[in-house]
Amino acid sequence: MTNVQEIMANDFAEQVEAHQGTVLVDFFAQWCGPCKVIAPIVEEVATEFDTLKVVKVDADNAQELMQKYGIRSIPTLVMFKDGELEASNVGAVSLPKLREFVSENL
């Protein structure tokens, strides 16, 4: 069972922007090699932080969101707190680096 939910762009406002708490959003694509590399790392982090909601958004189906948040490459990991963008990280990261990124922005 996964702790990471894939959401559609039209669910983003409800699932992320209206969420009270912290959300880690993984903008990815099926064809993206680095996205596949970090997928298990994102899954691991999702199990480690109880208060963190983790979702994935397929960038190919979310061009308006990509533009809205200035995302130009994938993978991009974005932290939202109470619906507001807190921080972002572009590119594949190691498990320790992702833990650090999440901890700094919880």
N, C-alpha and C. Protein backbone atom coordinates (compact mmCIF):
# COMPACT_ATOMS: atom_id res chain seq x y z
N MET A 1 0.84 -1.19 0.00
CA MET A 1 0.00 0.00 0.00
C MET A 1 0.88 1.24 0.00
N THR A 2 0.44 2.23 -0.73
CA THR A 2 1.23 3.45 -0.86
C THR A 2 0.66 4.57 0.01
N ASN A 3 1.55 5.43 0.46
CA ASN A 3 1.14 6.62 1.21
C ASN A 3 1.13 7.84 0.30
N VAL A 4 1.38 7.62 -0.99
CA VAL A 4 1.42 8.70 -1.95
C VAL A 4 0.23 8.54 -2.89
N GLN A 5 -0.58 9.57 -2.97
CA GLN A 5 -1.77 9.53 -3.81
C GLN A 5 -1.52 10.34 -5.08
N GLU A 6 -1.81 9.76 -6.24
CA GLU A 6 -1.72 10.52 -7.48
C GLU A 6 -3.04 11.25 -7.67
N ILE A 7 -2.94 12.56 -7.89
CA ILE A 7 -4.15 13.36 -8.08
C ILE A 7 -4.13 14.01 -9.46
N MET A 8 -5.29 14.35 -9.93
CA MET A 8 -5.44 15.03 -11.21
C MET A 8 -5.33 16.54 -10.96
N ALA A 9 -5.00 17.26 -12.00
CA ALA A 9 -4.86 18.72 -11.89
C ALA A 9 -6.14 19.37 -11.39
N ASN A 10 -7.29 18.85 -11.81
CA ASN A 10 -8.55 19.47 -11.39
C ASN A 10 -8.89 19.19 -9.92
N ASP A 11 -8.14 18.30 -9.26
CA ASP A 11 -8.31 18.04 -7.83
C ASP A 11 -7.30 18.82 -6.98
N PHE A 12 -6.39 19.53 -7.62
CA PHE A 12 -5.28 20.18 -6.92
C PHE A 12 -5.77 21.22 -5.91
N ALA A 13 -6.74 22.04 -6.31
CA ALA A 13 -7.24 23.08 -5.40
C ALA A 13 -7.79 22.46 -4.12
N GLU A 14 -8.56 21.41 -4.27
CA GLU A 14 -9.17 20.76 -3.10
C GLU A 14 -8.13 20.00 -2.27
N GLN A 15 -7.28 19.23 -2.95
CA GLN A 15 -6.35 18.34 -2.27
C GLN A 15 -5.11 19.04 -1.69
N VAL A 16 -4.70 20.15 -2.31
CA VAL A 16 -3.46 20.82 -1.90
C VAL A 16 -3.72 22.24 -1.41
N GLU A 17 -4.30 23.05 -2.25
CA GLU A 17 -4.46 24.47 -1.91
C GLU A 17 -5.44 24.69 -0.76
N ALA A 18 -6.42 23.83 -0.59
CA ALA A 18 -7.38 23.97 0.49
C ALA A 18 -7.01 23.15 1.72
N HIS A 19 -5.94 22.39 1.65
CA HIS A 19 -5.54 21.51 2.75
C HIS A 19 -4.92 22.32 3.89
N GLN A 20 -5.41 22.08 5.09
CA GLN A 20 -4.81 22.69 6.27
C GLN A 20 -3.74 21.73 6.79
N GLY A 21 -2.50 22.13 6.64
CA GLY A 21 -1.38 21.28 7.00
C GLY A 21 -0.34 21.35 5.90
N THR A 22 0.60 20.43 5.94
CA THR A 22 1.70 20.44 5.00
C THR A 22 1.52 19.34 3.96
N VAL A 23 1.75 19.72 2.70
CA VAL A 23 1.62 18.78 1.58
C VAL A 23 2.91 18.83 0.76
N LEU A 24 3.44 17.67 0.46
CA LEU A 24 4.56 17.54 -0.47
C LEU A 24 3.97 17.09 -1.80
N VAL A 25 4.21 17.88 -2.85
CA VAL A 25 3.71 17.55 -4.18
C VAL A 25 4.89 17.17 -5.07
N ASP A 26 4.78 16.00 -5.67
CA ASP A 26 5.79 15.50 -6.61
C ASP A 26 5.24 15.69 -8.02
N PHE A 27 5.77 16.69 -8.73
CA PHE A 27 5.41 16.87 -10.14
C PHE A 27 6.33 15.96 -10.95
N PHE A 28 5.74 15.04 -11.69
CA PHE A 28 6.49 14.00 -12.38
C PHE A 28 5.89 13.76 -13.77
N ALA A 29 6.52 12.86 -14.52
CA ALA A 29 5.95 12.37 -15.78
C ALA A 29 6.33 10.90 -15.92
N GLN A 30 5.48 10.14 -16.59
CA GLN A 30 5.72 8.70 -16.77
C GLN A 30 7.01 8.43 -17.53
N TRP A 31 7.38 9.29 -18.47
CA TRP A 31 8.54 9.09 -19.32
C TRP A 31 9.84 9.60 -18.71
N CYS A 32 9.77 10.23 -17.54
CA CYS A 32 10.91 10.91 -16.91
C CYS A 32 11.75 9.94 -16.08
N GLY A 33 12.99 9.69 -16.52
CA GLY A 33 13.89 8.79 -15.80
C GLY A 33 14.17 9.21 -14.36
N PRO A 34 14.60 10.47 -14.13
CA PRO A 34 14.84 10.90 -12.75
C PRO A 34 13.59 10.83 -11.87
N CYS A 35 12.41 11.01 -12.47
CA CYS A 35 11.16 10.89 -11.71
C CYS A 35 10.99 9.47 -11.19
N LYS A 36 11.35 8.50 -12.02
CA LYS A 36 11.26 7.10 -11.61
C LYS A 36 12.28 6.78 -10.52
N VAL A 37 13.42 7.43 -10.58
CA VAL A 37 14.47 7.20 -9.58
C VAL A 37 14.01 7.70 -8.20
N ILE A 38 13.37 8.85 -8.15
CA ILE A 38 12.99 9.40 -6.84
C ILE A 38 11.65 8.88 -6.33
N ALA A 39 10.88 8.20 -7.16
CA ALA A 39 9.56 7.72 -6.72
C ALA A 39 9.64 6.89 -5.43
N PRO A 40 10.54 5.91 -5.31
CA PRO A 40 10.61 5.16 -4.06
C PRO A 40 11.11 6.00 -2.88
N ILE A 41 11.90 7.02 -3.17
CA ILE A 41 12.38 7.91 -2.12
C ILE A 41 11.22 8.74 -1.58
N VAL A 42 10.38 9.24 -2.48
CA VAL A 42 9.19 9.98 -2.07
C VAL A 42 8.26 9.08 -1.26
N GLU A 43 8.10 7.83 -1.70
CA GLU A 43 7.28 6.85 -0.97
C GLU A 43 7.82 6.65 0.44
N GLU A 44 9.12 6.52 0.56
CA GLU A 44 9.75 6.31 1.87
C GLU A 44 9.49 7.49 2.79
N VAL A 45 9.69 8.69 2.29
CA VAL A 45 9.47 9.89 3.10
C VAL A 45 8.00 9.99 3.53
N ALA A 46 7.10 9.58 2.64
CA ALA A 46 5.67 9.63 2.97
C ALA A 46 5.34 8.75 4.18
N THR A 47 6.11 7.67 4.37
CA THR A 47 5.86 6.79 5.52
C THR A 47 6.52 7.30 6.79
N GLU A 48 7.50 8.17 6.66
CA GLU A 48 8.29 8.62 7.81
C GLU A 48 7.72 9.84 8.52
N PHE A 49 6.96 10.66 7.83
CA PHE A 49 6.43 11.89 8.41
C PHE A 49 4.92 11.78 8.55
N ASP A 50 4.45 11.53 9.76
CA ASP A 50 3.02 11.29 10.00
C ASP A 50 2.13 12.46 9.63
N THR A 51 2.61 13.67 9.81
CA THR A 51 1.76 14.85 9.58
C THR A 51 1.84 15.35 8.14
N LEU A 52 2.61 14.69 7.31
CA LEU A 52 2.82 15.13 5.94
C LEU A 52 1.89 14.39 4.98
N LYS A 53 1.17 15.14 4.17
CA LYS A 53 0.37 14.57 3.09
C LYS A 53 1.26 14.61 1.84
N VAL A 54 1.30 13.51 1.08
CA VAL A 54 2.15 13.44 -0.10
C VAL A 54 1.29 13.06 -1.30
N VAL A 55 1.38 13.88 -2.35
CA VAL A 55 0.64 13.62 -3.58
C VAL A 55 1.57 13.75 -4.78
N LYS A 56 1.17 13.11 -5.88
CA LYS A 56 1.89 13.19 -7.15
C LYS A 56 0.96 13.79 -8.18
N VAL A 57 1.54 14.62 -9.06
CA VAL A 57 0.77 15.21 -10.15
C VAL A 57 1.54 14.96 -11.44
N ASP A 58 0.88 14.37 -12.42
CA ASP A 58 1.49 14.12 -13.71
C ASP A 58 1.61 15.45 -14.46
N ALA A 59 2.82 15.90 -14.64
CA ALA A 59 3.08 17.21 -15.25
C ALA A 59 2.52 17.33 -16.66
N ASP A 60 2.47 16.22 -17.38
CA ASP A 60 1.94 16.25 -18.74
C ASP A 60 0.46 16.62 -18.78
N ASN A 61 -0.23 16.37 -17.68
CA ASN A 61 -1.66 16.66 -17.60
C ASN A 61 -1.96 17.86 -16.70
N ALA A 62 -0.93 18.64 -16.40
CA ALA A 62 -1.11 19.75 -15.45
C ALA A 62 -0.35 21.00 -15.89
N GLN A 63 -0.42 21.33 -17.16
CA GLN A 63 0.34 22.46 -17.69
C GLN A 63 -0.03 23.78 -17.02
N GLU A 64 -1.30 23.99 -16.71
CA GLU A 64 -1.70 25.23 -16.03
C GLU A 64 -1.08 25.33 -14.64
N LEU A 65 -1.04 24.21 -13.92
CA LEU A 65 -0.40 24.21 -12.59
C LEU A 65 1.09 24.47 -12.71
N MET A 66 1.71 23.86 -13.70
CA MET A 66 3.14 24.06 -13.91
C MET A 66 3.44 25.54 -14.14
N GLN A 67 2.62 26.16 -14.96
CA GLN A 67 2.80 27.58 -15.25
C GLN A 67 2.52 28.43 -14.01
N LYS A 68 1.44 28.12 -13.30
CA LYS A 68 1.05 28.88 -12.11
C LYS A 68 2.16 28.91 -11.06
N TYR A 69 2.83 27.78 -10.89
CA TYR A 69 3.86 27.68 -9.85
C TYR A 69 5.29 27.78 -10.41
N GLY A 70 5.43 28.13 -11.67
CA GLY A 70 6.75 28.37 -12.26
C GLY A 70 7.61 27.14 -12.37
N ILE A 71 6.99 25.99 -12.57
CA ILE A 71 7.73 24.74 -12.68
C ILE A 71 8.12 24.54 -14.14
N ARG A 72 9.42 24.46 -14.37
CA ARG A 72 9.93 24.37 -15.74
C ARG A 72 10.60 23.04 -16.05
N SER A 73 10.89 22.26 -15.02
CA SER A 73 11.49 20.95 -15.26
C SER A 73 11.00 19.98 -14.20
N ILE A 74 11.15 18.71 -14.51
CA ILE A 74 10.71 17.68 -13.58
C ILE A 74 11.85 16.68 -13.38
N PRO A 75 11.89 16.02 -12.26
CA PRO A 75 10.95 16.14 -11.17
C PRO A 75 11.13 17.44 -10.39
N THR A 76 10.03 17.97 -9.92
CA THR A 76 10.05 19.10 -9.00
C THR A 76 9.19 18.72 -7.80
N LEU A 77 9.76 18.87 -6.62
CA LEU A 77 9.06 18.61 -5.37
C LEU A 77 8.73 19.95 -4.74
N VAL A 78 7.45 20.13 -4.39
CA VAL A 78 6.98 21.41 -3.87
C VAL A 78 6.30 21.17 -2.53
N MET A 79 6.66 21.98 -1.55
CA MET A 79 6.03 21.92 -0.23
C MET A 79 5.01 23.05 -0.12
N PHE A 80 3.80 22.69 0.29
CA PHE A 80 2.74 23.65 0.56
C PHE A 80 2.39 23.56 2.03
N LYS A 81 2.19 24.70 2.66
CA LYS A 81 1.75 24.75 4.05
C LYS A 81 0.48 25.58 4.10
N ASP A 82 -0.60 24.95 4.54
CA ASP A 82 -1.91 25.61 4.61
C ASP A 82 -2.27 26.26 3.28
N GLY A 83 -1.97 25.56 2.20
CA GLY A 83 -2.34 26.01 0.86
C GLY A 83 -1.38 26.97 0.20
N GLU A 84 -0.34 27.39 0.91
CA GLU A 84 0.62 28.34 0.37
C GLU A 84 1.93 27.64 0.03
N LEU A 85 2.50 27.99 -1.11
CA LEU A 85 3.78 27.42 -1.51
C LEU A 85 4.86 27.85 -0.53
N GLU A 86 5.55 26.88 0.04
CA GLU A 86 6.60 27.14 1.03
C GLU A 86 7.99 27.05 0.41
N ALA A 87 8.21 25.98 -0.37
CA ALA A 87 9.55 25.73 -0.91
C ALA A 87 9.45 24.74 -2.05
N SER A 88 10.48 24.74 -2.90
CA SER A 88 10.51 23.76 -3.98
C SER A 88 11.94 23.27 -4.18
N ASN A 89 12.03 22.08 -4.74
CA ASN A 89 13.31 21.47 -5.04
C ASN A 89 13.22 20.84 -6.43
N VAL A 90 14.12 21.22 -7.31
CA VAL A 90 14.11 20.73 -8.68
C VAL A 90 15.16 19.64 -8.82
N GLY A 91 14.77 18.53 -9.44
CA GLY A 91 15.71 17.45 -9.72
C GLY A 91 15.61 16.32 -8.73
N ALA A 92 16.24 15.23 -9.07
CA ALA A 92 16.27 14.04 -8.22
C ALA A 92 17.13 14.32 -7.00
N VAL A 93 16.68 13.82 -5.86
CA VAL A 93 17.42 14.00 -4.60
C VAL A 93 17.56 12.65 -3.91
N SER A 94 18.55 12.57 -3.04
CA SER A 94 18.75 11.36 -2.25
C SER A 94 17.75 11.36 -1.09
N LEU A 95 17.60 10.22 -0.45
CA LEU A 95 16.70 10.11 0.70
C LEU A 95 17.11 11.07 1.82
N PRO A 96 18.39 11.15 2.20
CA PRO A 96 18.75 12.11 3.25
C PRO A 96 18.43 13.56 2.87
N LYS A 97 18.65 13.92 1.61
CA LYS A 97 18.37 15.30 1.17
C LYS A 97 16.86 15.58 1.19
N LEU A 98 16.05 14.60 0.79
CA LEU A 98 14.61 14.81 0.82
C LEU A 98 14.11 14.90 2.25
N ARG A 99 14.64 14.07 3.14
CA ARG A 99 14.27 14.17 4.56
C ARG A 99 14.59 15.57 5.09
N GLU A 100 15.76 16.07 4.75
CA GLU A 100 16.18 17.40 5.19
C GLU A 100 15.24 18.47 4.63
N PHE A 101 14.92 18.39 3.35
CA PHE A 101 14.02 19.35 2.70
C PHE A 101 12.67 19.37 3.39
N VAL A 102 12.13 18.18 3.65
CA VAL A 102 10.82 18.09 4.31
C VAL A 102 10.90 18.63 5.74
N SER A 103 11.91 18.22 6.49
CA SER A 103 12.05 18.66 7.88
C SER A 103 12.16 20.17 8.00
N GLU A 104 12.89 20.78 7.07
CA GLU A 104 13.07 22.23 7.11
C GLU A 104 11.78 22.99 6.80
N ASN A 105 10.85 22.33 6.14
CA ASN A 105 9.63 23.03 5.68
C ASN A 105 8.34 22.52 6.31
N LEU A 106 8.44 21.68 7.32
CA LEU A 106 7.23 21.20 8.01
C LEU A 106 6.62 22.30 8.85
